[in-house]
Amino acid sequence: MRSETVMYQLFLDIAAEDERILAIYMNGSRTNANATKDIFQDYDIVFVVTETKPFIEDKEWIRRFGDILYMQYPDESPNCTSDKENFYGWLMQFKDGNRVDLHVESVPHAKEHIHDDKLCRILLDKGHVLPGIPESTDEERHVKKPTKEQFLACANEFWWCSNNLAKGLWREEIPYVQDMANFIVRKQLEKMLSWKVGILTDFGVSVGKSAKYLYKWLSEEEYRHYLDTYFGGSVQDGWRAVFSMCVLFDSTAEFVAQKLGYTYNVEEANAARGFLQHVHGLPKDAKEIFPFP
């Protein structure tokens, strides 16, 4: 596997040999000092060029980056709205294990958008076309302190949508429950846990995409509890995970509310948890949901 030093030199050499390439900048995890370093980190590289079209039409020039195992042309997807004249990319997995997400970009587009991502570092500007940029930082990804309204909306969304988990599990519709749990309800749990991390760190860190760095700041027991909220393909395991999710959300919301001086709607939480328990006990031949205590 080619080293980071070798890869950076490759990018510089390709640019030096091609007068159409005026500058190189990089973003992503390799510009983030707080990101975990490992062998799967890719290289998010942008070549600022005189014109994108010749690079797009030349199907062989990307071979200069190494032996490609497989790749994707995201801007050629029918589901993608692209601006090929200004920005075009190739996502490449190489046989040696390295991955490069490469883009070519027009000069006007680069000047307008290079400040969009603060995790950005200029590697080369032989054409002196790029504006100065501050040192790379993940500050814009730090957990932000929620307003009272945001806090209440998060809790309400979590508890309201638990109703969907209840009916989905009673119906034994596991695909629906998985979607609702992971794409709707879990996102509220992630948000609440992230706010707890923000409180613990004075809102000075990022928990990463999908809150993948929660383990760095939660206790070992709490993080294990969070992992227990994931479940497999059985209804029984689904109920177990949902109830576990409710317990964790409840305790975390109470912590966040107390620390920020907000009022947590305990009555709403208790009503939703009670409904879940009631539906969990409903027989499969039930003709109605109520009476509900």
Protein backbone atom coordinates (compact mmCIF):
# COMPACT_ATOMS: atom_id res chain seq x y z
CA MET A 1 0.00 0.00 0.00
CA ARG A 2 1.55 3.29 -1.07
CA SER A 3 2.30 5.59 1.84
CA GLU A 4 0.80 9.03 2.40
CA THR A 5 4.12 10.59 1.40
CA VAL A 6 4.18 8.65 -1.86
CA MET A 7 0.59 9.56 -2.66
CA TYR A 8 1.09 13.27 -2.05
CA GLN A 9 4.18 13.25 -4.24
CA LEU A 10 2.19 11.48 -6.97
CA PHE A 11 -0.44 14.24 -6.95
CA LEU A 12 2.25 16.92 -7.11
CA ASP A 13 4.16 15.16 -9.91
CA ILE A 14 1.04 14.76 -12.05
CA ALA A 15 0.23 18.44 -11.60
CA ALA A 16 3.80 19.50 -12.34
CA GLU A 17 3.79 17.57 -15.60
CA ASP A 18 0.46 18.94 -16.82
CA GLU A 19 0.22 22.66 -17.56
CA ARG A 20 -3.57 22.46 -17.53
CA ILE A 21 -3.51 21.72 -13.78
CA LEU A 22 -3.05 25.03 -11.96
CA ALA A 23 -3.57 24.06 -8.33
CA ILE A 24 -4.39 21.22 -5.93
CA TYR A 25 -6.31 21.30 -2.69
CA MET A 26 -7.53 18.59 -0.38
CA ASN A 27 -10.38 18.21 2.12
CA GLY A 28 -11.89 15.39 4.16
CA SER A 29 -10.57 13.39 7.09
CA ARG A 30 -6.89 13.70 6.14
CA THR A 31 -7.08 17.45 6.75
CA ASN A 32 -8.76 16.94 10.14
CA ALA A 33 -6.29 16.65 13.00
CA ASN A 34 -9.08 15.25 15.20
CA ALA A 35 -10.08 12.43 12.85
CA THR A 36 -9.02 8.89 13.66
CA LYS A 37 -6.15 7.85 11.41
CA ASP A 38 -6.32 4.43 9.79
CA ILE A 39 -5.68 2.50 6.58
CA PHE A 40 -9.16 3.24 5.18
CA GLN A 41 -8.79 7.02 5.04
CA ASP A 42 -9.22 8.13 1.46
CA TYR A 43 -7.67 11.08 -0.34
CA ASP A 44 -10.19 13.80 -1.23
CA ILE A 45 -8.27 15.65 -3.92
CA VAL A 46 -9.32 18.52 -6.17
CA PHE A 47 -7.30 19.57 -9.22
CA VAL A 48 -8.09 23.14 -10.26
CA VAL A 49 -7.77 23.17 -14.04
CA THR A 50 -8.02 25.49 -17.01
CA GLU A 51 -10.92 23.46 -18.42
CA THR A 52 -12.67 20.33 -17.16
CA LYS A 53 -13.84 18.98 -20.52
CA PRO A 54 -10.52 17.53 -21.79
CA PHE A 55 -10.07 15.58 -18.56
CA ILE A 56 -13.61 14.21 -18.75
CA GLU A 57 -13.22 13.12 -22.37
CA ASP A 58 -9.85 11.42 -21.77
CA LYS A 59 -10.83 8.05 -20.32
CA GLU A 60 -7.24 6.97 -19.68
CA TRP A 61 -5.58 9.84 -17.81
CA ILE A 62 -6.79 8.65 -14.39
CA ARG A 63 -4.70 5.49 -14.89
CA ARG A 64 -1.74 7.63 -13.91
CA PHE A 65 -2.90 7.40 -10.31
CA GLY A 66 -2.39 3.63 -10.12
CA ASP A 67 -3.98 0.26 -10.84
CA ILE A 68 -7.72 0.67 -10.34
CA LEU A 69 -9.63 -2.20 -8.76
CA TYR A 70 -13.04 -0.63 -9.34
CA MET A 71 -14.51 2.86 -9.45
CA GLN A 72 -17.51 5.12 -9.80
CA TYR A 73 -18.35 8.10 -12.01
CA PRO A 74 -20.81 9.92 -9.69
CA ASP A 75 -21.51 12.74 -12.14
CA GLU A 76 -22.68 10.24 -14.75
CA SER A 77 -25.42 8.86 -12.51
CA PRO A 78 -28.98 9.55 -13.70
CA ASN A 79 -29.77 10.49 -10.10
CA CYS A 80 -27.13 13.20 -9.97
CA THR A 81 -27.53 16.82 -11.01
CA SER A 82 -24.03 17.81 -12.05
CA ASP A 83 -22.24 20.85 -13.40
CA LYS A 84 -19.55 19.14 -15.47
CA GLU A 85 -18.11 22.35 -16.84
CA ASN A 86 -17.15 23.39 -13.33
CA PHE A 87 -16.84 20.25 -11.20
CA TYR A 88 -16.42 16.59 -12.11
CA GLY A 89 -15.25 13.56 -10.17
CA TRP A 90 -13.91 10.01 -10.20
CA LEU A 91 -14.07 7.79 -7.11
CA MET A 92 -11.29 5.21 -7.37
CA GLN A 93 -10.41 2.17 -5.28
CA PHE A 94 -6.89 1.05 -6.14
CA LYS A 95 -5.49 -2.45 -6.02
CA ASP A 96 -2.92 -1.46 -3.40
CA GLY A 97 -5.68 -0.49 -0.94
CA ASN A 98 -5.63 3.28 -1.40
CA ARG A 99 -8.78 5.16 -2.37
CA VAL A 100 -8.82 8.54 -4.10
CA ASP A 101 -11.91 10.71 -4.52
CA LEU A 102 -10.63 12.94 -7.30
CA HIS A 103 -12.28 16.00 -8.80
CA VAL A 104 -11.34 18.53 -11.46
CA GLU A 105 -12.69 22.03 -10.95
CA SER A 106 -12.73 25.25 -12.94
CA VAL A 107 -10.90 28.28 -11.56
CA PRO A 108 -14.03 30.44 -11.09
CA HIS A 109 -15.81 27.60 -9.29
CA ALA A 110 -12.83 27.00 -7.00
CA LYS A 111 -12.56 30.67 -6.09
CA GLU A 112 -16.24 30.78 -5.24
CA HIS A 113 -16.49 27.54 -3.28
CA ILE A 114 -13.12 26.75 -1.70
CA HIS A 115 -14.26 28.40 1.53
CA ASP A 116 -17.40 26.22 1.73
CA ASP A 117 -15.52 23.54 3.65
CA LYS A 118 -13.22 24.59 6.47
CA LEU A 119 -11.55 21.19 6.34
CA CYS A 120 -9.50 22.31 3.37
CA ARG A 121 -5.75 22.48 2.72
CA ILE A 122 -3.96 23.80 -0.37
CA LEU A 123 -1.25 21.42 -1.57
CA LEU A 124 -0.11 23.38 -4.62
CA ASP A 125 -0.96 26.65 -6.36
CA LYS A 126 1.47 26.92 -9.23
CA GLY A 127 -0.93 29.18 -11.14
CA HIS A 128 -1.57 31.48 -8.16
CA VAL A 129 -5.29 31.14 -8.75
CA LEU A 130 -6.59 30.29 -5.29
CA PRO A 131 -7.45 32.76 -2.52
CA GLY A 132 -5.82 32.42 0.86
CA ILE A 133 -7.63 30.11 3.25
CA PRO A 134 -7.37 29.70 7.04
CA GLU A 135 -5.82 26.64 8.64
CA SER A 136 -7.94 23.51 8.29
CA THR A 137 -10.40 22.99 11.16
CA ASP A 138 -13.45 20.87 11.97
CA GLU A 139 -14.96 23.70 14.00
CA GLU A 140 -18.06 23.96 11.82
CA ARG A 141 -18.77 20.29 12.59
CA HIS A 142 -18.68 20.77 16.35
CA VAL A 143 -21.84 19.91 18.26
CA LYS A 144 -23.93 23.07 18.59
CA LYS A 145 -25.83 23.98 21.75
CA PRO A 146 -29.54 23.40 21.09
CA THR A 147 -32.15 26.04 21.67
CA LYS A 148 -35.05 25.20 23.95
CA GLU A 149 -37.23 24.77 20.87
CA GLN A 150 -34.75 22.39 19.25
CA PHE A 151 -34.51 20.34 22.41
CA LEU A 152 -38.29 20.02 22.73
CA ALA A 153 -38.71 19.21 19.03
CA CYS A 154 -36.12 16.43 19.28
CA ALA A 155 -37.86 14.84 22.26
CA ASN A 156 -41.28 15.17 20.68
CA GLU A 157 -40.11 13.57 17.42
CA PHE A 158 -38.52 10.67 19.29
CA TRP A 159 -41.56 9.89 21.39
CA TRP A 160 -44.15 10.52 18.68
CA CYS A 161 -42.40 8.25 16.18
CA SER A 162 -42.07 5.51 18.80
CA ASN A 163 -45.77 5.00 18.01
CA ASN A 164 -44.71 3.79 14.55
CA LEU A 165 -42.23 1.37 16.10
CA ALA A 166 -45.03 -0.05 18.24
CA LYS A 167 -47.41 -0.72 15.37
CA GLY A 168 -44.62 -2.01 13.12
CA LEU A 169 -43.46 -4.52 15.72
CA TRP A 170 -47.02 -5.64 16.50
CA ARG A 171 -47.56 -6.21 12.78
CA GLU A 172 -44.15 -7.95 12.62
CA GLU A 173 -43.09 -5.66 9.75
CA ILE A 174 -39.38 -5.76 10.48
CA PRO A 175 -38.19 -3.88 7.33
CA TYR A 176 -40.50 -0.97 8.21
CA VAL A 177 -39.41 -1.01 11.85
CA GLN A 178 -35.74 -1.05 10.87
CA ASP A 179 -36.21 1.98 8.63
CA MET A 180 -38.24 3.89 11.20
CA ALA A 181 -35.85 2.99 14.02
CA ASN A 182 -32.60 3.80 12.24
CA PHE A 183 -33.53 6.69 9.95
CA ILE A 184 -36.01 8.56 12.14
CA VAL A 185 -36.02 7.61 15.81
CA ARG A 186 -32.31 6.85 16.13
CA LYS A 187 -31.43 10.23 14.62
CA GLN A 188 -33.15 11.89 17.56
CA LEU A 189 -31.26 9.68 20.00
CA GLU A 190 -27.99 10.53 18.24
CA LYS A 191 -28.87 14.19 18.49
CA MET A 192 -29.62 14.01 22.21
CA LEU A 193 -26.47 12.02 22.95
CA SER A 194 -24.46 14.50 20.88
CA TRP A 195 -25.83 17.36 22.96
CA LYS A 196 -24.72 15.52 26.08
CA VAL A 197 -21.23 15.22 24.59
CA GLY A 198 -21.38 18.92 23.76
CA ILE A 199 -22.17 19.75 27.37
CA LEU A 200 -19.33 17.53 28.60
CA THR A 201 -16.84 19.19 26.22
CA ASP A 202 -18.12 22.78 26.27
CA PHE A 203 -19.37 22.21 22.72
CA GLY A 204 -15.82 21.94 21.45
CA VAL A 205 -15.83 18.64 19.53
CA SER A 206 -17.43 16.83 16.62
CA VAL A 207 -19.03 13.41 17.13
CA GLY A 208 -18.48 12.58 13.45
CA LYS A 209 -20.77 11.29 10.74
CA SER A 210 -23.57 9.12 12.16
CA ALA A 211 -22.25 10.07 15.63
CA LYS A 212 -19.53 7.45 15.16
CA TYR A 213 -17.23 9.06 17.75
CA LEU A 214 -19.68 8.98 20.65
CA TYR A 215 -17.53 6.31 22.29
CA LYS A 216 -14.80 8.89 22.91
CA TRP A 217 -16.88 10.82 25.45
CA LEU A 218 -19.63 8.55 26.73
CA SER A 219 -18.86 6.16 29.55
CA GLU A 220 -18.13 2.58 28.55
CA GLU A 221 -21.42 1.46 30.08
CA GLU A 222 -23.41 4.17 28.32
CA TYR A 223 -21.83 3.47 24.96
CA ARG A 224 -22.50 -0.25 25.35
CA HIS A 225 -26.12 0.66 26.14
CA TYR A 226 -26.22 2.68 22.92
CA LEU A 227 -24.93 -0.27 20.87
CA ASP A 228 -27.60 -2.45 22.47
CA THR A 229 -30.25 -0.29 20.79
CA TYR A 230 -29.39 -1.93 17.45
CA PHE A 231 -31.28 -5.11 16.64
CA GLY A 232 -31.47 -7.96 14.18
CA GLY A 233 -34.30 -9.59 12.29
CA SER A 234 -36.58 -10.85 15.04
CA VAL A 235 -39.61 -9.12 16.55
CA GLN A 236 -38.49 -10.09 20.04
CA ASP A 237 -35.09 -8.48 19.56
CA GLY A 238 -36.78 -5.43 18.07
CA TRP A 239 -38.89 -4.90 21.18
CA ARG A 240 -35.85 -5.35 23.40
CA ALA A 241 -33.86 -2.75 21.44
CA VAL A 242 -36.72 -0.25 21.30
CA PHE A 243 -37.27 -0.37 25.06
CA SER A 244 -33.51 0.00 25.55
CA MET A 245 -33.54 3.01 23.22
CA CYS A 246 -36.33 4.59 25.27
CA VAL A 247 -34.46 4.18 28.55
CA LEU A 248 -31.30 5.73 27.10
CA PHE A 249 -33.14 8.61 25.46
CA ASP A 250 -35.07 9.35 28.63
CA SER A 251 -32.01 9.52 30.89
CA THR A 252 -30.01 11.53 28.36
CA ALA A 253 -32.81 14.03 27.77
CA GLU A 254 -33.15 14.55 31.53
CA PHE A 255 -29.40 15.21 31.77
CA VAL A 256 -29.41 17.68 28.87
CA ALA A 257 -32.48 19.50 30.16
CA GLN A 258 -31.03 19.83 33.65
CA LYS A 259 -27.66 21.11 32.41
CA LEU A 260 -29.16 23.62 29.96
CA GLY A 261 -31.97 24.80 32.18
CA TYR A 262 -34.72 23.42 29.94
CA THR A 263 -37.89 21.56 30.93
CA TYR A 264 -38.18 18.00 29.67
CA ASN A 265 -41.74 16.86 28.95
CA VAL A 266 -41.77 13.85 31.27
CA GLU A 267 -45.53 13.41 30.88
CA GLU A 268 -45.12 12.98 27.11
CA ALA A 269 -42.28 10.49 27.59
CA ASN A 270 -44.21 8.42 30.13
CA ALA A 271 -47.31 8.37 27.92
CA ALA A 272 -45.32 7.17 24.90
CA ARG A 273 -43.47 4.50 26.89
CA GLY A 274 -46.76 3.35 28.38
CA PHE A 275 -48.27 3.03 24.92
CA LEU A 276 -45.30 0.95 23.78
CA GLN A 277 -45.69 -1.36 26.74
CA HIS A 278 -49.42 -1.66 26.09
CA VAL A 279 -48.95 -2.55 22.40
CA HIS A 280 -46.19 -5.00 23.33
CA GLY A 281 -48.75 -6.90 25.39
CA LEU A 282 -51.55 -6.82 22.83
CA PRO A 283 -52.53 -10.29 21.57
CA LYS A 284 -52.12 -10.92 17.85
CA ASP A 285 -55.87 -11.33 17.45
CA ALA A 286 -56.71 -8.02 19.15
CA LYS A 287 -59.68 -6.24 17.58
CA GLU A 288 -58.88 -2.85 19.09
CA ILE A 289 -55.97 -1.07 20.74
CA PHE A 290 -57.89 0.31 23.71
CA PRO A 291 -58.78 0.25 26.55
CA PHE A 292 -55.46 1.80 27.40
CA PRO A 293 -54.67 2.59 31.06
